[in-house]
Amino acid sequence: MTIAVMREQLLAYLTDADDKKIKGLYSLLEENITDRSLNTLTKEQLDFLNKERQLHLSGKSKSYTWEETKEFIRSKKAS
């Protein structure tokens, strides 16, 4: 399931959830919601990520699986 689908399903769920569930979810996420500065990127960082994402989506950049990434890191540590 993609993040976009998850986001849509969560938004749909939150729209109809009862008050008790909303309060519970809010209490779990409150620190992240109220301190958004921890999750804020600069414009330059966002621009870089958007550029890299577009390269990935267009197939112009190489992507690696998690397993390939771990193997690459392990091989660098061994050398």
PDB file of N, CA and C in Angstrom:
ATOM      1  N   MET A   1       0.852  -1.173   0.000  1.00  0.00           N
ATOM      2  CA  MET A   1       0.000   0.000   0.000  1.00  0.00           C
ATOM      3  C   MET A   1       0.901   1.242   0.000  1.00  0.00           C
ATOM      4  N   THR A   2       0.593   2.180  -0.830  1.00  0.00           N
ATOM      5  CA  THR A   2       1.415   3.387  -0.920  1.00  0.00           C
ATOM      6  C   THR A   2       1.064   4.363   0.204  1.00  0.00           C
ATOM      7  N   ILE A   3       1.971   5.274   0.444  1.00  0.00           N
ATOM      8  CA  ILE A   3       1.742   6.313   1.458  1.00  0.00           C
ATOM      9  C   ILE A   3       0.520   7.146   1.088  1.00  0.00           C
ATOM     10  N   ALA A   4       0.363   7.441  -0.193  1.00  0.00           N
ATOM     11  CA  ALA A   4      -0.784   8.244  -0.631  1.00  0.00           C
ATOM     12  C   ALA A   4      -2.099   7.545  -0.295  1.00  0.00           C
ATOM     13  N   VAL A   5      -2.161   6.246  -0.510  1.00  0.00           N
ATOM     14  CA  VAL A   5      -3.377   5.488  -0.186  1.00  0.00           C
ATOM     15  C   VAL A   5      -3.595   5.471   1.317  1.00  0.00           C
ATOM     16  N   MET A   6      -2.516   5.259   2.078  1.00  0.00           N
ATOM     17  CA  MET A   6      -2.627   5.272   3.537  1.00  0.00           C
ATOM     18  C   MET A   6      -3.158   6.616   4.026  1.00  0.00           C
ATOM     19  N   ARG A   7      -2.623   7.685   3.457  1.00  0.00           N
ATOM     20  CA  ARG A   7      -3.041   9.034   3.853  1.00  0.00           C
ATOM     21  C   ARG A   7      -4.535   9.233   3.579  1.00  0.00           C
ATOM     22  N   GLU A   8      -4.974   8.806   2.400  1.00  0.00           N
ATOM     23  CA  GLU A   8      -6.387   8.940   2.041  1.00  0.00           C
ATOM     24  C   GLU A   8      -7.270   8.142   2.988  1.00  0.00           C
ATOM     25  N   GLN A   9      -6.868   6.917   3.305  1.00  0.00           N
ATOM     26  CA  GLN A   9      -7.660   6.082   4.197  1.00  0.00           C
ATOM     27  C   GLN A   9      -7.703   6.659   5.611  1.00  0.00           C
ATOM     28  N   LEU A  10      -6.576   7.186   6.071  1.00  0.00           N
ATOM     29  CA  LEU A  10      -6.563   7.809   7.400  1.00  0.00           C
ATOM     30  C   LEU A  10      -7.469   9.034   7.444  1.00  0.00           C
ATOM     31  N   LEU A  11      -7.396   9.865   6.411  1.00  0.00           N
ATOM     32  CA  LEU A  11      -8.252  11.051   6.376  1.00  0.00           C
ATOM     33  C   LEU A  11      -9.723  10.660   6.360  1.00  0.00           C
ATOM     34  N   ALA A  12     -10.069   9.651   5.577  1.00  0.00           N
ATOM     35  CA  ALA A  12     -11.455   9.187   5.537  1.00  0.00           C
ATOM     36  C   ALA A  12     -11.874   8.648   6.903  1.00  0.00           C
ATOM     37  N   TYR A  13     -10.982   7.889   7.533  1.00  0.00           N
ATOM     38  CA  TYR A  13     -11.284   7.333   8.858  1.00  0.00           C
ATOM     39  C   TYR A  13     -11.491   8.448   9.879  1.00  0.00           C
ATOM     40  N   LEU A  14     -10.596   9.433   9.885  1.00  0.00           N
ATOM     41  CA  LEU A  14     -10.681  10.517  10.864  1.00  0.00           C
ATOM     42  C   LEU A  14     -11.944  11.347  10.684  1.00  0.00           C
ATOM     43  N   THR A  15     -12.404  11.454   9.467  1.00  0.00           N
ATOM     44  CA  THR A  15     -13.613  12.225   9.198  1.00  0.00           C
ATOM     45  C   THR A  15     -14.818  11.636   9.915  1.00  0.00           C
ATOM     46  N   ASP A  16     -14.871  10.303  10.007  1.00  0.00           N
ATOM     47  CA  ASP A  16     -16.044   9.645  10.581  1.00  0.00           C
ATOM     48  C   ASP A  16     -15.814   9.025  11.955  1.00  0.00           C
ATOM     49  N   ALA A  17     -14.604   9.099  12.481  1.00  0.00           N
ATOM     50  CA  ALA A  17     -14.293   8.456  13.763  1.00  0.00           C
ATOM     51  C   ALA A  17     -15.037   9.131  14.909  1.00  0.00           C
ATOM     52  N   ASP A  18     -15.374   8.336  15.924  1.00  0.00           N
ATOM     53  CA  ASP A  18     -16.060   8.920  17.076  1.00  0.00           C
ATOM     54  C   ASP A  18     -15.061   9.716  17.927  1.00  0.00           C
ATOM     55  N   ASP A  19     -15.595  10.552  18.806  1.00  0.00           N
ATOM     56  CA  ASP A  19     -14.769  11.471  19.599  1.00  0.00           C
ATOM     57  C   ASP A  19     -13.724  10.737  20.445  1.00  0.00           C
ATOM     58  N   LYS A  20     -14.086   9.602  21.017  1.00  0.00           N
ATOM     59  CA  LYS A  20     -13.169   8.853  21.865  1.00  0.00           C
ATOM     60  C   LYS A  20     -11.932   8.411  21.064  1.00  0.00           C
ATOM     61  N   LYS A  21     -12.137   7.939  19.852  1.00  0.00           N
ATOM     62  CA  LYS A  21     -11.016   7.506  19.015  1.00  0.00           C
ATOM     63  C   LYS A  21     -10.156   8.699  18.595  1.00  0.00           C
ATOM     64  N   ILE A  22     -10.783   9.808  18.261  1.00  0.00           N
ATOM     65  CA  ILE A  22     -10.029  11.013  17.884  1.00  0.00           C
ATOM     66  C   ILE A  22      -9.157  11.463  19.046  1.00  0.00           C
ATOM     67  N   LYS A  23      -9.714  11.498  20.255  1.00  0.00           N
ATOM     68  CA  LYS A  23      -8.942  11.905  21.432  1.00  0.00           C
ATOM     69  C   LYS A  23      -7.768  10.959  21.675  1.00  0.00           C
ATOM     70  N   GLY A  24      -7.990   9.661  21.506  1.00  0.00           N
ATOM     71  CA  GLY A  24      -6.928   8.687  21.698  1.00  0.00           C
ATOM     72  C   GLY A  24      -5.809   8.852  20.683  1.00  0.00           C
ATOM     73  N   LEU A  25      -6.182   8.994  19.420  1.00  0.00           N
ATOM     74  CA  LEU A  25      -5.172   9.189  18.376  1.00  0.00           C
ATOM     75  C   LEU A  25      -4.411  10.495  18.589  1.00  0.00           C
ATOM     76  N   TYR A  26      -5.140  11.529  18.957  1.00  0.00           N
ATOM     77  CA  TYR A  26      -4.491  12.815  19.189  1.00  0.00           C
ATOM     78  C   TYR A  26      -3.475  12.723  20.317  1.00  0.00           C
ATOM     79  N   SER A  27      -3.834  12.023  21.394  1.00  0.00           N
ATOM     80  CA  SER A  27      -2.903  11.909  22.519  1.00  0.00           C
ATOM     81  C   SER A  27      -1.643  11.145  22.108  1.00  0.00           C
ATOM     82  N   LEU A  28      -1.775  10.171  21.205  1.00  0.00           N
ATOM     83  CA  LEU A  28      -0.603   9.444  20.712  1.00  0.00           C
ATOM     84  C   LEU A  28       0.310  10.331  19.867  1.00  0.00           C
ATOM     85  N   LEU A  29      -0.291  11.235  19.122  1.00  0.00           N
ATOM     86  CA  LEU A  29       0.470  12.047  18.164  1.00  0.00           C
ATOM     87  C   LEU A  29       0.685  13.486  18.600  1.00  0.00           C
ATOM     88  N   GLU A  30       0.179  13.848  19.763  1.00  0.00           N
ATOM     89  CA  GLU A  30       0.160  15.252  20.187  1.00  0.00           C
ATOM     90  C   GLU A  30       1.522  15.928  20.103  1.00  0.00           C
ATOM     91  N   GLU A  31       2.559  15.262  20.583  1.00  0.00           N
ATOM     92  CA  GLU A  31       3.881  15.882  20.574  1.00  0.00           C
ATOM     93  C   GLU A  31       4.327  16.217  19.142  1.00  0.00           C
ATOM     94  N   ASN A  32       4.065  15.306  18.212  1.00  0.00           N
ATOM     95  CA  ASN A  32       4.428  15.559  16.817  1.00  0.00           C
ATOM     96  C   ASN A  32       3.572  16.649  16.190  1.00  0.00           C
ATOM     97  N   ILE A  33       2.313  16.698  16.590  1.00  0.00           N
ATOM     98  CA  ILE A  33       1.399  17.690  16.034  1.00  0.00           C
ATOM     99  C   ILE A  33       1.744  19.086  16.540  1.00  0.00           C
ATOM    100  N   THR A  34       2.023  19.199  17.837  1.00  0.00           N
ATOM    101  CA  THR A  34       2.252  20.515  18.419  1.00  0.00           C
ATOM    102  C   THR A  34       3.672  21.027  18.200  1.00  0.00           C
ATOM    103  N   ASP A  35       4.627  20.131  17.963  1.00  0.00           N
ATOM    104  CA  ASP A  35       6.009  20.560  17.722  1.00  0.00           C
ATOM    105  C   ASP A  35       6.420  20.202  16.297  1.00  0.00           C
ATOM    106  N   ARG A  36       5.790  20.855  15.358  1.00  0.00           N
ATOM    107  CA  ARG A  36       6.041  20.568  13.946  1.00  0.00           C
ATOM    108  C   ARG A  36       7.430  21.009  13.505  1.00  0.00           C
ATOM    109  N   SER A  37       8.106  21.820  14.303  1.00  0.00           N
ATOM    110  CA  SER A  37       9.443  22.267  13.916  1.00  0.00           C
ATOM    111  C   SER A  37      10.403  21.094  13.793  1.00  0.00           C
ATOM    112  N   LEU A  38      10.128  19.996  14.507  1.00  0.00           N
ATOM    113  CA  LEU A  38      10.985  18.821  14.413  1.00  0.00           C
ATOM    114  C   LEU A  38      10.867  18.146  13.055  1.00  0.00           C
ATOM    115  N   ASN A  39       9.755  18.367  12.365  1.00  0.00           N
ATOM    116  CA  ASN A  39       9.497  17.713  11.095  1.00  0.00           C
ATOM    117  C   ASN A  39       9.580  18.661   9.905  1.00  0.00           C
ATOM    118  N   THR A  40      10.098  19.854  10.119  1.00  0.00           N
ATOM    119  CA  THR A  40      10.104  20.854   9.064  1.00  0.00           C
ATOM    120  C   THR A  40      11.441  20.858   8.331  1.00  0.00           C
ATOM    121  N   LEU A  41      11.354  20.820   7.016  1.00  0.00           N
ATOM    122  CA  LEU A  41      12.547  20.906   6.181  1.00  0.00           C
ATOM    123  C   LEU A  41      12.648  22.305   5.605  1.00  0.00           C
ATOM    124  N   THR A  42      13.862  22.698   5.280  1.00  0.00           N
ATOM    125  CA  THR A  42      14.051  23.993   4.628  1.00  0.00           C
ATOM    126  C   THR A  42      13.567  23.895   3.191  1.00  0.00           C
ATOM    127  N   LYS A  43      13.394  25.048   2.555  1.00  0.00           N
ATOM    128  CA  LYS A  43      12.990  25.063   1.152  1.00  0.00           C
ATOM    129  C   LYS A  43      14.019  24.346   0.290  1.00  0.00           C
ATOM    130  N   GLU A  44      15.294  24.549   0.597  1.00  0.00           N
ATOM    131  CA  GLU A  44      16.354  23.896  -0.173  1.00  0.00           C
ATOM    132  C   GLU A  44      16.287  22.371  -0.026  1.00  0.00           C
ATOM    133  N   GLN A  45      16.021  21.904   1.184  1.00  0.00           N
ATOM    134  CA  GLN A  45      15.900  20.467   1.408  1.00  0.00           C
ATOM    135  C   GLN A  45      14.697  19.894   0.661  1.00  0.00           C
ATOM    136  N   LEU A  46      13.575  20.599   0.726  1.00  0.00           N
ATOM    137  CA  LEU A  46      12.386  20.151   0.005  1.00  0.00           C
ATOM    138  C   LEU A  46      12.613  20.139  -1.501  1.00  0.00           C
ATOM    139  N   ASP A  47      13.267  21.176  -2.020  1.00  0.00           N
ATOM    140  CA  ASP A  47      13.568  21.239  -3.454  1.00  0.00           C
ATOM    141  C   ASP A  47      14.447  20.067  -3.873  1.00  0.00           C
ATOM    142  N   PHE A  48      15.469  19.765  -3.060  1.00  0.00           N
ATOM    143  CA  PHE A  48      16.359  18.651  -3.357  1.00  0.00           C
ATOM    144  C   PHE A  48      15.585  17.332  -3.373  1.00  0.00           C
ATOM    145  N   LEU A  49      14.766  17.112  -2.339  1.00  0.00           N
ATOM    146  CA  LEU A  49      13.996  15.875  -2.265  1.00  0.00           C
ATOM    147  C   LEU A  49      13.012  15.753  -3.425  1.00  0.00           C
ATOM    148  N   ASN A  50      12.370  16.848  -3.789  1.00  0.00           N
ATOM    149  CA  ASN A  50      11.433  16.819  -4.914  1.00  0.00           C
ATOM    150  C   ASN A  50      12.145  16.509  -6.226  1.00  0.00           C
ATOM    151  N   LYS A  51      13.337  17.085  -6.411  1.00  0.00           N
ATOM    152  CA  LYS A  51      14.116  16.811  -7.620  1.00  0.00           C
ATOM    153  C   LYS A  51      14.512  15.336  -7.672  1.00  0.00           C
ATOM    154  N   GLU A  52      15.006  14.811  -6.548  1.00  0.00           N
ATOM    155  CA  GLU A  52      15.401  13.402  -6.494  1.00  0.00           C
ATOM    156  C   GLU A  52      14.197  12.480  -6.698  1.00  0.00           C
ATOM    157  N   ARG A  53      13.063  12.856  -6.160  1.00  0.00           N
ATOM    158  CA  ARG A  53      11.850  12.055  -6.328  1.00  0.00           C
ATOM    159  C   ARG A  53      11.442  12.001  -7.788  1.00  0.00           C
ATOM    160  N   GLN A  54      11.502  13.140  -8.457  1.00  0.00           N
ATOM    161  CA  GLN A  54      11.145  13.178  -9.872  1.00  0.00           C
ATOM    162  C   GLN A  54      12.091  12.319 -10.709  1.00  0.00           C
ATOM    163  N   LEU A  55      13.376  12.360 -10.384  1.00  0.00           N
ATOM    164  CA  LEU A  55      14.341  11.505 -11.083  1.00  0.00           C
ATOM    165  C   LEU A  55      13.998  10.034 -10.864  1.00  0.00           C
ATOM    166  N   HIS A  56      13.638   9.688  -9.643  1.00  0.00           N
ATOM    167  CA  HIS A  56      13.275   8.309  -9.322  1.00  0.00           C
ATOM    168  C   HIS A  56      12.020   7.889 -10.086  1.00  0.00           C
ATOM    169  N   LEU A  57      10.976   8.721 -10.020  1.00  0.00           N
ATOM    170  CA  LEU A  57       9.715   8.378 -10.667  1.00  0.00           C
ATOM    171  C   LEU A  57       9.846   8.273 -12.181  1.00  0.00           C
ATOM    172  N   SER A  58      10.743   9.060 -12.762  1.00  0.00           N
ATOM    173  CA  SER A  58      10.927   9.030 -14.216  1.00  0.00           C
ATOM    174  C   SER A  58      11.858   7.906 -14.654  1.00  0.00           C
ATOM    175  N   GLY A  59      12.457   7.224 -13.684  1.00  0.00           N
ATOM    176  CA  GLY A  59      13.373   6.131 -14.021  1.00  0.00           C
ATOM    177  C   GLY A  59      14.768   6.602 -14.388  1.00  0.00           C
ATOM    178  N   LYS A  60      15.070   7.855 -14.144  1.00  0.00           N
ATOM    179  CA  LYS A  60      16.379   8.406 -14.503  1.00  0.00           C
ATOM    180  C   LYS A  60      17.424   8.236 -13.414  1.00  0.00           C
ATOM    181  N   SER A  61      17.020   7.690 -12.276  1.00  0.00           N
ATOM    182  CA  SER A  61      17.984   7.425 -11.210  1.00  0.00           C
ATOM    183  C   SER A  61      17.839   5.979 -10.766  1.00  0.00           C
ATOM    184  N   LYS A  62      18.901   5.449 -10.221  1.00  0.00           N
ATOM    185  CA  LYS A  62      18.907   4.059  -9.760  1.00  0.00           C
ATOM    186  C   LYS A  62      18.301   3.995  -8.371  1.00  0.00           C
ATOM    187  N   SER A  63      17.457   3.017  -8.154  1.00  0.00           N
ATOM    188  CA  SER A  63      16.869   2.784  -6.840  1.00  0.00           C
ATOM    189  C   SER A  63      17.377   1.456  -6.311  1.00  0.00           C
ATOM    190  N   TYR A  64      17.411   1.343  -5.010  1.00  0.00           N
ATOM    191  CA  TYR A  64      17.916   0.137  -4.374  1.00  0.00           C
ATOM    192  C   TYR A  64      16.901  -0.384  -3.384  1.00  0.00           C
ATOM    193  N   THR A  65      16.824  -1.699  -3.261  1.00  0.00           N
ATOM    194  CA  THR A  65      15.975  -2.294  -2.241  1.00  0.00           C
ATOM    195  C   THR A  65      16.677  -2.143  -0.901  1.00  0.00           C
ATOM    196  N   TRP A  66      15.948  -2.379   0.176  1.00  0.00           N
ATOM    197  CA  TRP A  66      16.540  -2.315   1.508  1.00  0.00           C
ATOM    198  C   TRP A  66      17.645  -3.356   1.633  1.00  0.00           C
ATOM    199  N   GLU A  67      17.415  -4.544   1.090  1.00  0.00           N
ATOM    200  CA  GLU A  67      18.425  -5.598   1.155  1.00  0.00           C
ATOM    201  C   GLU A  67      19.695  -5.191   0.406  1.00  0.00           C
ATOM    202  N   GLU A  68      19.559  -4.593  -0.780  1.00  0.00           N
ATOM    203  CA  GLU A  68      20.721  -4.127  -1.535  1.00  0.00           C
ATOM    204  C   GLU A  68      21.479  -3.045  -0.766  1.00  0.00           C
ATOM    205  N   THR A  69      20.738  -2.180  -0.128  1.00  0.00           N
ATOM    206  CA  THR A  69      21.353  -1.102   0.645  1.00  0.00           C
ATOM    207  C   THR A  69      22.146  -1.657   1.818  1.00  0.00           C
ATOM    208  N   LYS A  70      21.556  -2.601   2.556  1.00  0.00           N
ATOM    209  CA  LYS A  70      22.264  -3.201   3.689  1.00  0.00           C
ATOM    210  C   LYS A  70      23.525  -3.917   3.215  1.00  0.00           C
ATOM    211  N   GLU A  71      23.427  -4.642   2.119  1.00  0.00           N
ATOM    212  CA  GLU A  71      24.589  -5.367   1.603  1.00  0.00           C
ATOM    213  C   GLU A  71      25.694  -4.405   1.193  1.00  0.00           C
ATOM    214  N   PHE A  72      25.339  -3.293   0.571  1.00  0.00           N
ATOM    215  CA  PHE A  72      26.313  -2.288   0.161  1.00  0.00           C
ATOM    216  C   PHE A  72      27.024  -1.719   1.387  1.00  0.00           C
ATOM    217  N   ILE A  73      26.281  -1.405   2.429  1.00  0.00           N
ATOM    218  CA  ILE A  73      26.864  -0.850   3.646  1.00  0.00           C
ATOM    219  C   ILE A  73      27.777  -1.886   4.312  1.00  0.00           C
ATOM    220  N   ARG A  74      27.317  -3.106   4.383  1.00  0.00           N
ATOM    221  CA  ARG A  74      28.133  -4.154   4.982  1.00  0.00           C
ATOM    222  C   ARG A  74      29.428  -4.362   4.210  1.00  0.00           C
ATOM    223  N   SER A  75      29.359  -4.318   2.895  1.00  0.00           N
ATOM    224  CA  SER A  75      30.580  -4.520   2.104  1.00  0.00           C
ATOM    225  C   SER A  75      31.566  -3.371   2.303  1.00  0.00           C
ATOM    226  N   LYS A  76      31.061  -2.159   2.510  1.00  0.00           N
ATOM    227  CA  LYS A  76      31.938  -1.010   2.762  1.00  0.00           C
ATOM    228  C   LYS A  76      32.582  -1.101   4.134  1.00  0.00           C
ATOM    229  N   LYS A  77      31.849  -1.617   5.115  1.00  0.00           N
ATOM    230  CA  LYS A  77      32.395  -1.781   6.455  1.00  0.00           C
ATOM    231  C   LYS A  77      33.489  -2.830   6.479  1.00  0.00           C
ATOM    232  N   ALA A  78      33.335  -3.871   5.658  1.00  0.00           N
ATOM    233  CA  ALA A  78      34.287  -4.981   5.631  1.00  0.00           C
ATOM    234  C   ALA A  78      35.602  -4.595   4.952  1.00  0.00           C
ATOM    235  N   SER A  79      35.554  -3.606   4.075  1.00  0.00           N
ATOM    236  CA  SER A  79      36.770  -3.246   3.341  1.00  0.00           C
ATOM    237  C   SER A  79      37.608  -2.192   4.011  1.00  0.00           C
TER     238      SER A  79
END
